C-alpha cells in the first residue's frame, strides 16, 4: 500500500468498510500507524455517503456484508468516483465474484 522512494512513503486517503468491527478496527489502526488517512464504517450505506462527501484514493471493501454485498458497494463507489481504486476483502471468494469485481474495475 505504501510505495517507498528513498525515505519517502506514499500517504493514501483510504475508505474502509467491513461489518466485522474487530477486523475493521484492526485494519484501520494498522493503516493509520503507517501514516495513511483512514475513514471507516461498518455499514455500506455509511461508506457510500462518505464517498459522496470526500474523495478517496483507495477503498477497502468487504465482499460479504448483510446489508449490501461488496460488489454493489464497488459498483456505487465507481459511479461516484471512477478514479477510486477498490480492493475487495474476503475469506469466501469465488471465481465468479472475482471476475465480476475485475470487470467493474
Protein backbone atom coordinates (compact mmCIF):
# COMPACT_ATOMS: atom_id res chain seq x y z
CA UNK A 1 0.00 0.00 0.00
CA UNK A 2 2.82 2.38 0.50
CA UNK A 3 5.35 3.00 -2.21
CA UNK A 4 8.80 3.68 -0.85
CA UNK A 5 11.16 6.00 -2.68
CA UNK A 6 14.24 6.62 -0.64
CA UNK A 7 12.88 7.56 2.75
CA UNK A 8 9.57 8.88 1.36
CA UNK A 9 6.34 6.92 1.77
CA UNK A 10 3.20 7.48 -0.20
CA UNK A 11 0.35 8.51 2.09
CA UNK A 12 -3.07 7.42 0.91
CA UNK A 13 -6.59 8.54 1.67
CA UNK A 14 -8.46 5.29 2.39
CA UNK A 15 -12.08 4.32 2.81
CA UNK A 16 -12.73 1.05 4.68
CA UNK A 17 -15.98 -0.88 5.04
CA UNK A 18 -16.34 -4.17 6.87
CA UNK A 19 -19.17 -5.32 9.09
CA UNK A 20 -16.71 -7.16 11.36
CA UNK A 21 -15.88 -4.45 13.92
CA UNK A 22 -12.75 -6.14 15.29
CA UNK A 23 -11.27 -6.77 11.85
CA UNK A 24 -12.17 -3.29 10.59
CA UNK A 25 -10.67 -1.60 13.66
CA UNK A 26 -7.51 -3.69 13.39
CA UNK A 27 -7.02 -2.86 9.71
CA UNK A 28 -7.75 0.83 10.30
CA UNK A 29 -5.27 1.06 13.20
CA UNK A 30 -2.52 -0.59 11.19
CA UNK A 31 -3.06 1.66 8.17
CA UNK A 32 -3.15 4.78 10.35
CA UNK A 33 0.13 3.76 12.01
CA UNK A 34 1.62 3.63 8.52
CA UNK A 35 0.58 7.26 8.04
CA UNK A 36 -2.50 6.81 5.87
CA UNK A 37 -5.72 8.74 6.36
CA UNK A 38 -8.49 6.21 7.04
CA UNK A 39 -12.23 6.70 7.35
CA UNK A 40 -14.11 3.53 8.16
CA UNK A 41 -17.63 2.27 8.72
CA UNK A 42 -19.41 -0.95 9.47
CA UNK A 43 -22.28 -0.35 7.08
CA UNK A 44 -22.03 0.04 3.30
CA UNK A 45 -24.55 2.90 3.26
CA UNK A 46 -22.25 4.92 5.57
CA UNK A 47 -19.29 4.38 3.26
CA UNK A 48 -21.25 5.43 0.19
CA UNK A 49 -22.30 8.61 1.99
CA UNK A 50 -18.66 9.30 2.95
CA UNK A 51 -17.60 8.80 -0.67
CA UNK A 52 -20.16 11.38 -1.80
CA UNK A 53 -18.66 13.95 0.58
CA UNK A 54 -14.95 13.30 0.08
CA UNK A 55 -12.57 11.80 -2.47
CA UNK A 56 -10.59 8.70 -1.59
CA UNK A 57 -7.71 7.15 -3.47
CA UNK A 58 -8.45 3.61 -2.30
CA UNK A 59 -11.48 1.85 -0.87
CA UNK A 60 -11.12 -1.44 1.01
CA UNK A 61 -14.45 -3.25 0.81
CA UNK A 62 -15.59 -6.47 2.44
CA UNK A 63 -17.26 -8.70 -0.12
CA UNK A 64 -19.76 -10.31 2.23
CA UNK A 65 -21.97 -8.00 4.28
CA UNK A 66 -25.61 -8.46 5.28
CA UNK A 67 -27.00 -5.09 4.19
CA UNK A 68 -25.35 -4.81 0.76
CA UNK A 69 -22.68 -7.01 -0.79
CA UNK A 70 -19.26 -5.70 -1.71
CA UNK A 71 -19.93 -5.94 -5.45
CA UNK A 72 -22.82 -3.48 -5.11
CA UNK A 73 -20.64 -1.21 -2.97
CA UNK A 74 -17.93 -1.38 -5.66
CA UNK A 75 -20.49 -0.51 -8.35
CA UNK A 76 -21.77 2.51 -6.38
CA UNK A 77 -18.30 3.76 -5.45
CA UNK A 78 -17.24 3.66 -9.11
CA UNK A 79 -20.36 5.66 -10.06
CA UNK A 80 -19.39 8.31 -7.51
CA UNK A 81 -15.67 8.39 -8.35
CA UNK A 82 -14.37 6.24 -11.18
CA UNK A 83 -10.75 7.04 -10.22
CA UNK A 84 -11.05 5.47 -6.76
CA UNK A 85 -9.24 2.15 -6.63
CA UNK A 86 -11.22 -0.59 -4.88
CA UNK A 87 -9.69 -3.58 -3.12
CA UNK A 88 -12.12 -6.35 -2.24
CA UNK A 89 -11.57 -8.14 1.09
CA UNK A 90 -12.97 -11.62 1.60
CA UNK A 91 -12.39 -15.01 3.06
CA UNK A 92 -15.05 -16.50 0.80
CA UNK A 93 -14.14 -15.58 -2.77
CA UNK A 94 -15.39 -17.40 -5.81
CA UNK A 95 -14.10 -17.17 -9.35
CA UNK A 96 -17.40 -15.58 -10.39
CA UNK A 97 -17.20 -12.76 -7.83
CA UNK A 98 -13.54 -12.15 -8.67
CA UNK A 99 -14.38 -11.85 -12.38
CA UNK A 100 -17.36 -9.56 -11.68
CA UNK A 101 -15.24 -7.33 -9.41
CA UNK A 102 -12.49 -7.10 -12.03
CA UNK A 103 -15.00 -6.17 -14.74
CA UNK A 104 -16.28 -3.36 -12.53
CA UNK A 105 -12.78 -2.04 -12.04
